[in-house]
Amino acid sequence: MMVYLTAFALIMLGIAGMLFRRNLLKIIMALSVADSGAYLLLIAIGYRSGGTAPILTGYEGGPMVDPLPQALVLTAIVIGVCVLIMAVSLVVNVYRHYGTLDVSELRRLRG
């Protein structure tokens, strides 16, 4: 149960950071925190107490851990890293062009 609360806390912390921060780099870091919470939640959903690895050699009939959430999280981590790299590169270009990372200042400069 504590794992679920931690996962939801990370997700909520990330969402709050994305909503209430004005610096683009801090918004991207908050997105990364929310991603980590989602990964933790998916892994916690797939966990089975007393479960073994889903390898069928030497299987003796006990409960097995669900491998699907693990595969989804691995794929999500790769996609999340790619999105993070793309977002940071866009922020670098925004800083080079406008000279600031403050969202309200960027709105004023752009408009």
PDB file of N, CA and C in Angstrom:
ATOM      1  N   MET A   1       0.814  -1.191   0.000  1.00  0.00           N
ATOM      2  CA  MET A   1       0.000   0.000   0.000  1.00  0.00           C
ATOM      3  C   MET A   1       0.861   1.261   0.000  1.00  0.00           C
ATOM      4  N   MET A   2       1.992   1.211   0.693  1.00  0.00           N
ATOM      5  CA  MET A   2       2.882   2.365   0.763  1.00  0.00           C
ATOM      6  C   MET A   2       3.471   2.695  -0.604  1.00  0.00           C
ATOM      7  N   VAL A   3       3.676   1.669  -1.413  1.00  0.00           N
ATOM      8  CA  VAL A   3       4.223   1.898  -2.753  1.00  0.00           C
ATOM      9  C   VAL A   3       3.232   2.671  -3.611  1.00  0.00           C
ATOM     10  N   TYR A   4       1.955   2.336  -3.491  1.00  0.00           N
ATOM     11  CA  TYR A   4       0.933   3.056  -4.254  1.00  0.00           C
ATOM     12  C   TYR A   4       0.865   4.519  -3.832  1.00  0.00           C
ATOM     13  N   LEU A   5       0.936   4.771  -2.533  1.00  0.00           N
ATOM     14  CA  LEU A   5       0.908   6.150  -2.039  1.00  0.00           C
ATOM     15  C   LEU A   5       2.124   6.929  -2.519  1.00  0.00           C
ATOM     16  N   THR A   6       3.277   6.282  -2.517  1.00  0.00           N
ATOM     17  CA  THR A   6       4.489   6.935  -3.004  1.00  0.00           C
ATOM     18  C   THR A   6       4.373   7.251  -4.487  1.00  0.00           C
ATOM     19  N   ALA A   7       3.839   6.308  -5.253  1.00  0.00           N
ATOM     20  CA  ALA A   7       3.674   6.532  -6.692  1.00  0.00           C
ATOM     21  C   ALA A   7       2.720   7.689  -6.959  1.00  0.00           C
ATOM     22  N   PHE A   8       1.590   7.705  -6.261  1.00  0.00           N
ATOM     23  CA  PHE A   8       0.643   8.809  -6.448  1.00  0.00           C
ATOM     24  C   PHE A   8       1.224  10.136  -5.974  1.00  0.00           C
ATOM     25  N   ALA A   9       2.020  10.107  -4.908  1.00  0.00           N
ATOM     26  CA  ALA A   9       2.657  11.335  -4.433  1.00  0.00           C
ATOM     27  C   ALA A   9       3.642  11.868  -5.466  1.00  0.00           C
ATOM     28  N   LEU A  10       4.412  10.978  -6.079  1.00  0.00           N
ATOM     29  CA  LEU A  10       5.341  11.416  -7.123  1.00  0.00           C
ATOM     30  C   LEU A  10       4.609  11.989  -8.325  1.00  0.00           C
ATOM     31  N   ILE A  11       3.523  11.337  -8.708  1.00  0.00           N
ATOM     32  CA  ILE A  11       2.745  11.834  -9.845  1.00  0.00           C
ATOM     33  C   ILE A  11       2.156  13.208  -9.522  1.00  0.00           C
ATOM     34  N   MET A  12       1.578  13.361  -8.344  1.00  0.00           N
ATOM     35  CA  MET A  12       0.979  14.639  -7.955  1.00  0.00           C
ATOM     36  C   MET A  12       2.044  15.733  -7.801  1.00  0.00           C
ATOM     37  N   LEU A  13       3.201  15.371  -7.272  1.00  0.00           N
ATOM     38  CA  LEU A  13       4.294  16.331  -7.140  1.00  0.00           C
ATOM     39  C   LEU A  13       4.757  16.807  -8.518  1.00  0.00           C
ATOM     40  N   GLY A  14       4.848  15.878  -9.462  1.00  0.00           N
ATOM     41  CA  GLY A  14       5.232  16.249 -10.820  1.00  0.00           C
ATOM     42  C   GLY A  14       4.202  17.134 -11.492  1.00  0.00           C
ATOM     43  N   ILE A  15       2.925  16.799 -11.319  1.00  0.00           N
ATOM     44  CA  ILE A  15       1.862  17.619 -11.916  1.00  0.00           C
ATOM     45  C   ILE A  15       1.855  19.013 -11.288  1.00  0.00           C
ATOM     46  N   ALA A  16       2.028  19.089  -9.976  1.00  0.00           N
ATOM     47  CA  ALA A  16       2.069  20.393  -9.316  1.00  0.00           C
ATOM     48  C   ALA A  16       3.261  21.217  -9.800  1.00  0.00           C
ATOM     49  N   GLY A  17       4.386  20.567  -9.984  1.00  0.00           N
ATOM     50  CA  GLY A  17       5.558  21.273 -10.504  1.00  0.00           C
ATOM     51  C   GLY A  17       5.347  21.788 -11.916  1.00  0.00           C
ATOM     52  N   MET A  18       4.655  21.003 -12.737  1.00  0.00           N
ATOM     53  CA  MET A  18       4.379  21.452 -14.102  1.00  0.00           C
ATOM     54  C   MET A  18       3.391  22.614 -14.114  1.00  0.00           C
ATOM     55  N   LEU A  19       2.462  22.630 -13.179  1.00  0.00           N
ATOM     56  CA  LEU A  19       1.442  23.680 -13.164  1.00  0.00           C
ATOM     57  C   LEU A  19       1.925  24.983 -12.527  1.00  0.00           C
ATOM     58  N   PHE A  20       2.757  24.898 -11.489  1.00  0.00           N
ATOM     59  CA  PHE A  20       3.063  26.080 -10.696  1.00  0.00           C
ATOM     60  C   PHE A  20       4.461  26.637 -10.878  1.00  0.00           C
ATOM     61  N   ARG A  21       5.287  26.041 -11.686  1.00  0.00           N
ATOM     62  CA  ARG A  21       6.628  26.566 -11.952  1.00  0.00           C
ATOM     63  C   ARG A  21       6.609  27.417 -13.207  1.00  0.00           C
ATOM     64  N   ARG A  22       7.508  28.383 -13.263  1.00  0.00           N
ATOM     65  CA  ARG A  22       7.562  29.265 -14.425  1.00  0.00           C
ATOM     66  C   ARG A  22       8.802  29.032 -15.266  1.00  0.00           C
ATOM     67  N   ASN A  23       9.796  28.341 -14.735  1.00  0.00           N
ATOM     68  CA  ASN A  23      11.027  28.065 -15.461  1.00  0.00           C
ATOM     69  C   ASN A  23      10.844  26.784 -16.284  1.00  0.00           C
ATOM     70  N   LEU A  24      11.209  26.836 -17.553  1.00  0.00           N
ATOM     71  CA  LEU A  24      10.996  25.683 -18.433  1.00  0.00           C
ATOM     72  C   LEU A  24      11.789  24.453 -17.999  1.00  0.00           C
ATOM     73  N   LEU A  25      13.001  24.638 -17.496  1.00  0.00           N
ATOM     74  CA  LEU A  25      13.789  23.478 -17.044  1.00  0.00           C
ATOM     75  C   LEU A  25      13.151  22.816 -15.818  1.00  0.00           C
ATOM     76  N   LYS A  26      12.596  23.616 -14.930  1.00  0.00           N
ATOM     77  CA  LYS A  26      11.916  23.048 -13.759  1.00  0.00           C
ATOM     78  C   LYS A  26      10.644  22.317 -14.175  1.00  0.00           C
ATOM     79  N   ILE A  27       9.980  22.803 -15.188  1.00  0.00           N
ATOM     80  CA  ILE A  27       8.795  22.116 -15.707  1.00  0.00           C
ATOM     81  C   ILE A  27       9.181  20.766 -16.295  1.00  0.00           C
ATOM     82  N   ILE A  28      10.298  20.719 -16.999  1.00  0.00           N
ATOM     83  CA  ILE A  28      10.766  19.451 -17.572  1.00  0.00           C
ATOM     84  C   ILE A  28      11.182  18.477 -16.464  1.00  0.00           C
ATOM     85  N   MET A  29      11.825  18.986 -15.413  1.00  0.00           N
ATOM     86  CA  MET A  29      12.184  18.118 -14.286  1.00  0.00           C
ATOM     87  C   MET A  29      10.940  17.583 -13.589  1.00  0.00           C
ATOM     88  N   ALA A  30       9.906  18.407 -13.481  1.00  0.00           N
ATOM     89  CA  ALA A  30       8.655  17.956 -12.878  1.00  0.00           C
ATOM     90  C   ALA A  30       7.994  16.874 -13.732  1.00  0.00           C
ATOM     91  N   LEU A  31       8.097  17.004 -15.039  1.00  0.00           N
ATOM     92  CA  LEU A  31       7.594  15.965 -15.938  1.00  0.00           C
ATOM     93  C   LEU A  31       8.329  14.647 -15.714  1.00  0.00           C
ATOM     94  N   SER A  32       9.621  14.734 -15.502  1.00  0.00           N
ATOM     95  CA  SER A  32      10.414  13.533 -15.230  1.00  0.00           C
ATOM     96  C   SER A  32      10.016  12.885 -13.900  1.00  0.00           C
ATOM     97  N   VAL A  33       9.705  13.688 -12.895  1.00  0.00           N
ATOM     98  CA  VAL A  33       9.257  13.156 -11.600  1.00  0.00           C
ATOM     99  C   VAL A  33       7.910  12.452 -11.762  1.00  0.00           C
ATOM    100  N   ALA A  34       6.996  13.055 -12.532  1.00  0.00           N
ATOM    101  CA  ALA A  34       5.692  12.421 -12.767  1.00  0.00           C
ATOM    102  C   ALA A  34       5.864  11.110 -13.536  1.00  0.00           C
ATOM    103  N   ASP A  35       6.792  11.090 -14.487  1.00  0.00           N
ATOM    104  CA  ASP A  35       7.084   9.844 -15.209  1.00  0.00           C
ATOM    105  C   ASP A  35       7.567   8.758 -14.258  1.00  0.00           C
ATOM    106  N   SER A  36       8.444   9.120 -13.345  1.00  0.00           N
ATOM    107  CA  SER A  36       8.961   8.135 -12.384  1.00  0.00           C
ATOM    108  C   SER A  36       7.843   7.580 -11.505  1.00  0.00           C
ATOM    109  N   GLY A  37       6.920   8.423 -11.125  1.00  0.00           N
ATOM    110  CA  GLY A  37       5.772   7.952 -10.349  1.00  0.00           C
ATOM    111  C   GLY A  37       4.909   6.987 -11.143  1.00  0.00           C
ATOM    112  N   ALA A  38       4.733   7.264 -12.423  1.00  0.00           N
ATOM    113  CA  ALA A  38       3.953   6.357 -13.269  1.00  0.00           C
ATOM    114  C   ALA A  38       4.661   5.011 -13.429  1.00  0.00           C
ATOM    115  N   TYR A  39       5.975   5.035 -13.567  1.00  0.00           N
ATOM    116  CA  TYR A  39       6.728   3.778 -13.669  1.00  0.00           C
ATOM    117  C   TYR A  39       6.586   2.964 -12.388  1.00  0.00           C
ATOM    118  N   LEU A  40       6.711   3.637 -11.255  1.00  0.00           N
ATOM    119  CA  LEU A  40       6.583   2.947  -9.965  1.00  0.00           C
ATOM    120  C   LEU A  40       5.187   2.351  -9.803  1.00  0.00           C
ATOM    121  N   LEU A  41       4.176   3.083 -10.226  1.00  0.00           N
ATOM    122  CA  LEU A  41       2.811   2.578 -10.127  1.00  0.00           C
ATOM    123  C   LEU A  41       2.618   1.341 -11.000  1.00  0.00           C
ATOM    124  N   LEU A  42       3.123   1.360 -12.213  1.00  0.00           N
ATOM    125  CA  LEU A  42       2.982   0.192 -13.095  1.00  0.00           C
ATOM    126  C   LEU A  42       3.705  -1.034 -12.540  1.00  0.00           C
ATOM    127  N   ILE A  43       4.902  -0.826 -12.013  1.00  0.00           N
ATOM    128  CA  ILE A  43       5.642  -1.951 -11.431  1.00  0.00           C
ATOM    129  C   ILE A  43       4.912  -2.480 -10.196  1.00  0.00           C
ATOM    130  N   ALA A  44       4.355  -1.594  -9.379  1.00  0.00           N
ATOM    131  CA  ALA A  44       3.627  -2.024  -8.179  1.00  0.00           C
ATOM    132  C   ALA A  44       2.369  -2.802  -8.539  1.00  0.00           C
ATOM    133  N   ILE A  45       1.723  -2.433  -9.623  1.00  0.00           N
ATOM    134  CA  ILE A  45       0.528  -3.162 -10.053  1.00  0.00           C
ATOM    135  C   ILE A  45       0.886  -4.585 -10.469  1.00  0.00           C
ATOM    136  N   GLY A  46       2.030  -4.750 -11.120  1.00  0.00           N
ATOM    137  CA  GLY A  46       2.427  -6.073 -11.595  1.00  0.00           C
ATOM    138  C   GLY A  46       3.068  -6.962 -10.549  1.00  0.00           C
ATOM    139  N   TYR A  47       3.349  -6.415  -9.364  1.00  0.00           N
ATOM    140  CA  TYR A  47       4.011  -7.199  -8.328  1.00  0.00           C
ATOM    141  C   TYR A  47       3.045  -8.184  -7.687  1.00  0.00           C
ATOM    142  N   ARG A  48       3.539  -9.371  -7.425  1.00  0.00           N
ATOM    143  CA  ARG A  48       2.755 -10.382  -6.722  1.00  0.00           C
ATOM    144  C   ARG A  48       3.591 -10.894  -5.550  1.00  0.00           C
ATOM    145  N   SER A  49       3.032 -10.823  -4.354  1.00  0.00           N
ATOM    146  CA  SER A  49       3.739 -11.245  -3.156  1.00  0.00           C
ATOM    147  C   SER A  49       4.056 -12.737  -3.225  1.00  0.00           C
ATOM    148  N   GLY A  50       5.312 -13.058  -3.035  1.00  0.00           N
ATOM    149  CA  GLY A  50       5.739 -14.454  -3.073  1.00  0.00           C
ATOM    150  C   GLY A  50       5.864 -14.998  -4.482  1.00  0.00           C
ATOM    151  N   GLY A  51       5.757 -14.141  -5.485  1.00  0.00           N
ATOM    152  CA  GLY A  51       5.828 -14.585  -6.873  1.00  0.00           C
ATOM    153  C   GLY A  51       7.252 -14.837  -7.325  1.00  0.00           C
ATOM    154  N   THR A  52       7.380 -15.680  -8.317  1.00  0.00           N
ATOM    155  CA  THR A  52       8.684 -15.970  -8.897  1.00  0.00           C
ATOM    156  C   THR A  52       8.760 -15.336 -10.277  1.00  0.00           C
ATOM    157  N   ALA A  53       9.941 -15.336 -10.834  1.00  0.00           N
ATOM    158  CA  ALA A  53      10.134 -14.804 -12.184  1.00  0.00           C
ATOM    159  C   ALA A  53       9.381 -15.682 -13.185  1.00  0.00           C
ATOM    160  N   PRO A  54       8.814 -15.070 -14.218  1.00  0.00           N
ATOM    161  CA  PRO A  54       8.022 -15.850 -15.184  1.00  0.00           C
ATOM    162  C   PRO A  54       8.883 -16.621 -16.173  1.00  0.00           C
ATOM    163  N   ILE A  55       9.714 -17.499 -15.649  1.00  0.00           N
ATOM    164  CA  ILE A  55      10.556 -18.358 -16.473  1.00  0.00           C
ATOM    165  C   ILE A  55      10.048 -19.776 -16.271  1.00  0.00           C
ATOM    166  N   LEU A  56       9.697 -20.453 -17.332  1.00  0.00           N
ATOM    167  CA  LEU A  56       9.012 -21.740 -17.208  1.00  0.00           C
ATOM    168  C   LEU A  56       9.939 -22.926 -16.983  1.00  0.00           C
ATOM    169  N   THR A  57      11.230 -22.749 -17.067  1.00  0.00           N
ATOM    170  CA  THR A  57      12.123 -23.868 -16.781  1.00  0.00           C
ATOM    171  C   THR A  57      12.191 -24.074 -15.273  1.00  0.00           C
ATOM    172  N   GLY A  58      11.885 -25.235 -14.823  1.00  0.00           N
ATOM    173  CA  GLY A  58      11.884 -25.549 -13.404  1.00  0.00           C
ATOM    174  C   GLY A  58      10.683 -24.987 -12.666  1.00  0.00           C
ATOM    175  N   TYR A  59       9.603 -24.703 -13.353  1.00  0.00           N
ATOM    176  CA  TYR A  59       8.397 -24.135 -12.752  1.00  0.00           C
ATOM    177  C   TYR A  59       7.718 -25.187 -11.881  1.00  0.00           C
ATOM    178  N   GLU A  60       7.419 -24.829 -10.635  1.00  0.00           N
ATOM    179  CA  GLU A  60       6.830 -25.781  -9.698  1.00  0.00           C
ATOM    180  C   GLU A  60       5.414 -25.420  -9.287  1.00  0.00           C
ATOM    181  N   GLY A  61       4.751 -24.540  -9.997  1.00  0.00           N
ATOM    182  CA  GLY A  61       3.345 -24.274  -9.737  1.00  0.00           C
ATOM    183  C   GLY A  61       3.025 -23.140  -8.803  1.00  0.00           C
ATOM    184  N   GLY A  62       3.986 -22.343  -8.379  1.00  0.00           N
ATOM    185  CA  GLY A  62       3.709 -21.204  -7.499  1.00  0.00           C
ATOM    186  C   GLY A  62       3.246 -19.990  -8.283  1.00  0.00           C
ATOM    187  N   PRO A  63       2.882 -18.929  -7.577  1.00  0.00           N
ATOM    188  CA  PRO A  63       2.457 -17.712  -8.292  1.00  0.00           C
ATOM    189  C   PRO A  63       3.635 -17.055  -9.010  1.00  0.00           C
ATOM    190  N   MET A  64       3.323 -16.430 -10.136  1.00  0.00           N
ATOM    191  CA  MET A  64       4.361 -15.752 -10.920  1.00  0.00           C
ATOM    192  C   MET A  64       4.064 -14.258 -10.991  1.00  0.00           C
ATOM    193  N   VAL A  65       5.115 -13.485 -11.087  1.00  0.00           N
ATOM    194  CA  VAL A  65       4.988 -12.043 -11.259  1.00  0.00           C
ATOM    195  C   VAL A  65       4.574 -11.779 -12.704  1.00  0.00           C
ATOM    196  N   ASP A  66       3.683 -10.817 -12.892  1.00  0.00           N
ATOM    197  CA  ASP A  66       3.202 -10.480 -14.232  1.00  0.00           C
ATOM    198  C   ASP A  66       4.308  -9.753 -15.006  1.00  0.00           C
ATOM    199  N   PRO A  67       4.764 -10.287 -16.153  1.00  0.00           N
ATOM    200  CA  PRO A  67       5.856  -9.644 -16.895  1.00  0.00           C
ATOM    201  C   PRO A  67       5.403  -8.476 -17.777  1.00  0.00           C
ATOM    202  N   LEU A  68       4.112  -8.342 -18.036  1.00  0.00           N
ATOM    203  CA  LEU A  68       3.638  -7.286 -18.934  1.00  0.00           C
ATOM    204  C   LEU A  68       3.922  -5.875 -18.400  1.00  0.00           C
ATOM    205  N   PRO A  69       3.629  -5.560 -17.129  1.00  0.00           N
ATOM    206  CA  PRO A  69       3.971  -4.216 -16.645  1.00  0.00           C
ATOM    207  C   PRO A  69       5.470  -3.919 -16.698  1.00  0.00           C
ATOM    208  N   GLN A  70       6.287  -4.937 -16.499  1.00  0.00           N
ATOM    209  CA  GLN A  70       7.728  -4.730 -16.578  1.00  0.00           C
ATOM    210  C   GLN A  70       8.140  -4.350 -17.998  1.00  0.00           C
ATOM    211  N   ALA A  71       7.568  -5.017 -18.976  1.00  0.00           N
ATOM    212  CA  ALA A  71       7.872  -4.686 -20.370  1.00  0.00           C
ATOM    213  C   ALA A  71       7.346  -3.298 -20.725  1.00  0.00           C
ATOM    214  N   LEU A  72       6.158  -2.963 -20.225  1.00  0.00           N
ATOM    215  CA  LEU A  72       5.608  -1.628 -20.484  1.00  0.00           C
ATOM    216  C   LEU A  72       6.467  -0.539 -19.863  1.00  0.00           C
ATOM    217  N   VAL A  73       6.947  -0.764 -18.659  1.00  0.00           N
ATOM    218  CA  VAL A  73       7.782   0.231 -17.991  1.00  0.00           C
ATOM    219  C   VAL A  73       9.115   0.386 -18.713  1.00  0.00           C
ATOM    220  N   LEU A  74       9.687  -0.695 -19.150  1.00  0.00           N
ATOM    221  CA  LEU A  74      10.942  -0.608 -19.893  1.00  0.00           C
ATOM    222  C   LEU A  74      10.760   0.208 -21.166  1.00  0.00           C
ATOM    223  N   THR A  75       9.674  -0.038 -21.877  1.00  0.00           N
ATOM    224  CA  THR A  75       9.378   0.735 -23.082  1.00  0.00           C
ATOM    225  C   THR A  75       9.102   2.193 -22.735  1.00  0.00           C
ATOM    226  N   ALA A  76       8.367   2.434 -21.667  1.00  0.00           N
ATOM    227  CA  ALA A  76       8.046   3.800 -21.258  1.00  0.00           C
ATOM    228  C   ALA A  76       9.292   4.570 -20.832  1.00  0.00           C
ATOM    229  N   ILE A  77      10.246   3.896 -20.212  1.00  0.00           N
ATOM    230  CA  ILE A  77      11.490   4.561 -19.830  1.00  0.00           C
ATOM    231  C   ILE A  77      12.246   5.027 -21.058  1.00  0.00           C
ATOM    232  N   VAL A  78      12.326   4.180 -22.060  1.00  0.00           N
ATOM    233  CA  VAL A  78      13.019   4.557 -23.299  1.00  0.00           C
ATOM    234  C   VAL A  78      12.317   5.738 -23.965  1.00  0.00           C
ATOM    235  N   ILE A  79      11.002   5.689 -24.046  1.00  0.00           N
ATOM    236  CA  ILE A  79      10.242   6.784 -24.650  1.00  0.00           C
ATOM    237  C   ILE A  79      10.393   8.052 -23.803  1.00  0.00           C
ATOM    238  N   GLY A  80      10.348   7.917 -22.480  1.00  0.00           N
ATOM    239  CA  GLY A  80      10.498   9.067 -21.597  1.00  0.00           C
ATOM    240  C   GLY A  80      11.849   9.745 -21.729  1.00  0.00           C
ATOM    241  N   VAL A  81      12.904   8.953 -21.882  1.00  0.00           N
ATOM    242  CA  VAL A  81      14.235   9.535 -22.075  1.00  0.00           C
ATOM    243  C   VAL A  81      14.296  10.293 -23.396  1.00  0.00           C
ATOM    244  N   CYS A  82      13.701   9.740 -24.433  1.00  0.00           N
ATOM    245  CA  CYS A  82      13.682  10.427 -25.736  1.00  0.00           C
ATOM    246  C   CYS A  82      12.903  11.737 -25.658  1.00  0.00           C
ATOM    247  N   VAL A  83      11.766  11.731 -24.979  1.00  0.00           N
ATOM    248  CA  VAL A  83      10.973  12.952 -24.815  1.00  0.00           C
ATOM    249  C   VAL A  83      11.748  13.970 -23.991  1.00  0.00           C
ATOM    250  N   LEU A  84      12.426  13.511 -22.943  1.00  0.00           N
ATOM    251  CA  LEU A  84      13.215  14.401 -22.107  1.00  0.00           C
ATOM    252  C   LEU A  84      14.340  15.057 -22.897  1.00  0.00           C
ATOM    253  N   ILE A  85      15.035  14.285 -23.703  1.00  0.00           N
ATOM    254  CA  ILE A  85      16.116  14.829 -24.526  1.00  0.00           C
ATOM    255  C   ILE A  85      15.576  15.841 -25.524  1.00  0.00           C
ATOM    256  N   MET A  86      14.458  15.523 -26.142  1.00  0.00           N
ATOM    257  CA  MET A  86      13.855  16.444 -27.108  1.00  0.00           C
ATOM    258  C   MET A  86      13.420  17.735 -26.429  1.00  0.00           C
ATOM    259  N   ALA A  87      12.813  17.636 -25.245  1.00  0.00           N
ATOM    260  CA  ALA A  87      12.359  18.829 -24.528  1.00  0.00           C
ATOM    261  C   ALA A  87      13.538  19.703 -24.109  1.00  0.00           C
ATOM    262  N   VAL A  88      14.612  19.092 -23.637  1.00  0.00           N
ATOM    263  CA  VAL A  88      15.786  19.871 -23.232  1.00  0.00           C
ATOM    264  C   VAL A  88      16.413  20.558 -24.440  1.00  0.00           C
ATOM    265  N   SER A  89      16.448  19.878 -25.566  1.00  0.00           N
ATOM    266  CA  SER A  89      17.004  20.524 -26.766  1.00  0.00           C
ATOM    267  C   SER A  89      16.135  21.698 -27.218  1.00  0.00           C
ATOM    268  N   LEU A  90      14.814  21.570 -27.088  1.00  0.00           N
ATOM    269  CA  LEU A  90      13.935  22.697 -27.418  1.00  0.00           C
ATOM    270  C   LEU A  90      14.137  23.860 -26.443  1.00  0.00           C
ATOM    271  N   VAL A  91      14.327  23.557 -25.168  1.00  0.00           N
ATOM    272  CA  VAL A  91      14.556  24.602 -24.178  1.00  0.00           C
ATOM    273  C   VAL A  91      15.880  25.309 -24.452  1.00  0.00           C
ATOM    274  N   VAL A  92      16.897  24.570 -24.844  1.00  0.00           N
ATOM    275  CA  VAL A  92      18.181  25.191 -25.187  1.00  0.00           C
ATOM    276  C   VAL A  92      18.000  26.146 -26.361  1.00  0.00           C
ATOM    277  N   ASN A  93      17.245  25.736 -27.369  1.00  0.00           N
ATOM    278  CA  ASN A  93      17.001  26.612 -28.512  1.00  0.00           C
ATOM    279  C   ASN A  93      16.173  27.833 -28.129  1.00  0.00           C
ATOM    280  N   VAL A  94      15.206  27.661 -27.244  1.00  0.00           N
ATOM    281  CA  VAL A  94      14.416  28.795 -26.767  1.00  0.00           C
ATOM    282  C   VAL A  94      15.310  29.780 -26.026  1.00  0.00           C
ATOM    283  N   TYR A  95      16.208  29.265 -25.194  1.00  0.00           N
ATOM    284  CA  TYR A  95      17.106  30.149 -24.453  1.00  0.00           C
ATOM    285  C   TYR A  95      18.052  30.890 -25.398  1.00  0.00           C
ATOM    286  N   ARG A  96      18.545  30.204 -26.404  1.00  0.00           N
ATOM    287  CA  ARG A  96      19.434  30.868 -27.375  1.00  0.00           C
ATOM    288  C   ARG A  96      18.699  31.971 -28.132  1.00  0.00           C
ATOM    289  N   HIS A  97      17.447  31.736 -28.439  1.00  0.00           N
ATOM    290  CA  HIS A  97      16.694  32.702 -29.236  1.00  0.00           C
ATOM    291  C   HIS A  97      16.169  33.872 -28.405  1.00  0.00           C
ATOM    292  N   TYR A  98      15.609  33.591 -27.211  1.00  0.00           N
ATOM    293  CA  TYR A  98      14.977  34.627 -26.403  1.00  0.00           C
ATOM    294  C   TYR A  98      15.829  35.102 -25.227  1.00  0.00           C
ATOM    295  N   GLY A  99      16.776  34.291 -24.771  1.00  0.00           N
ATOM    296  CA  GLY A  99      17.622  34.689 -23.654  1.00  0.00           C
ATOM    297  C   GLY A  99      16.996  34.513 -22.281  1.00  0.00           C
ATOM    298  N   THR A 100      15.862  33.819 -22.186  1.00  0.00           N
ATOM    299  CA  THR A 100      15.206  33.573 -20.911  1.00  0.00           C
ATOM    300  C   THR A 100      14.476  32.237 -20.964  1.00  0.00           C
ATOM    301  N   LEU A 101      14.200  31.693 -19.770  1.00  0.00           N
ATOM    302  CA  LEU A 101      13.417  30.461 -19.671  1.00  0.00           C
ATOM    303  C   LEU A 101      12.131  30.673 -18.887  1.00  0.00           C
ATOM    304  N   ASP A 102      11.850  31.909 -18.497  1.00  0.00           N
ATOM    305  CA  ASP A 102      10.633  32.237 -17.758  1.00  0.00           C
ATOM    306  C   ASP A 102       9.445  32.241 -18.723  1.00  0.00           C
ATOM    307  N   VAL A 103       8.418  31.467 -18.391  1.00  0.00           N
ATOM    308  CA  VAL A 103       7.278  31.292 -19.291  1.00  0.00           C
ATOM    309  C   VAL A 103       6.529  32.603 -19.507  1.00  0.00           C
ATOM    310  N   SER A 104       6.318  33.369 -18.446  1.00  0.00           N
ATOM    311  CA  SER A 104       5.586  34.633 -18.614  1.00  0.00           C
ATOM    312  C   SER A 104       6.399  35.632 -19.433  1.00  0.00           C
ATOM    313  N   GLU A 105       7.697  35.641 -19.251  1.00  0.00           N
ATOM    314  CA  GLU A 105       8.556  36.504 -20.052  1.00  0.00           C
ATOM    315  C   GLU A 105       8.552  36.076 -21.528  1.00  0.00           C
ATOM    316  N   LEU A 106       8.545  34.786 -21.757  1.00  0.00           N
ATOM    317  CA  LEU A 106       8.488  34.281 -23.143  1.00  0.00           C
ATOM    318  C   LEU A 106       7.185  34.666 -23.813  1.00  0.00           C
ATOM    319  N   ARG A 107       6.084  34.621 -23.066  1.00  0.00           N
ATOM    320  CA  ARG A 107       4.795  35.046 -23.632  1.00  0.00           C
ATOM    321  C   ARG A 107       4.828  36.517 -24.004  1.00  0.00           C
ATOM    322  N   ARG A 108       5.442  37.317 -23.145  1.00  0.00           N
ATOM    323  CA  ARG A 108       5.537  38.756 -23.416  1.00  0.00           C
ATOM    324  C   ARG A 108       6.426  39.027 -24.632  1.00  0.00           C
ATOM    325  N   LEU A 109       7.550  38.329 -24.740  1.00  0.00           N
ATOM    326  CA  LEU A 109       8.469  38.530 -25.865  1.00  0.00           C
ATOM    327  C   LEU A 109       7.885  38.036 -27.181  1.00  0.00           C
ATOM    328  N   ARG A 110       7.149  36.961 -27.119  1.00  0.00           N
ATOM    329  CA  ARG A 110       6.594  36.381 -28.338  1.00  0.00           C
ATOM    330  C   ARG A 110       5.413  37.195 -28.868  1.00  0.00           C
ATOM    331  N   GLY A 111       4.622  37.757 -27.979  1.00  0.00           N
ATOM    332  CA  GLY A 111       3.404  38.442 -28.375  1.00  0.00           C
ATOM    333  C   GLY A 111       3.651  39.848 -28.727  1.00  0.00           C
TER     334      GLY A 111
END
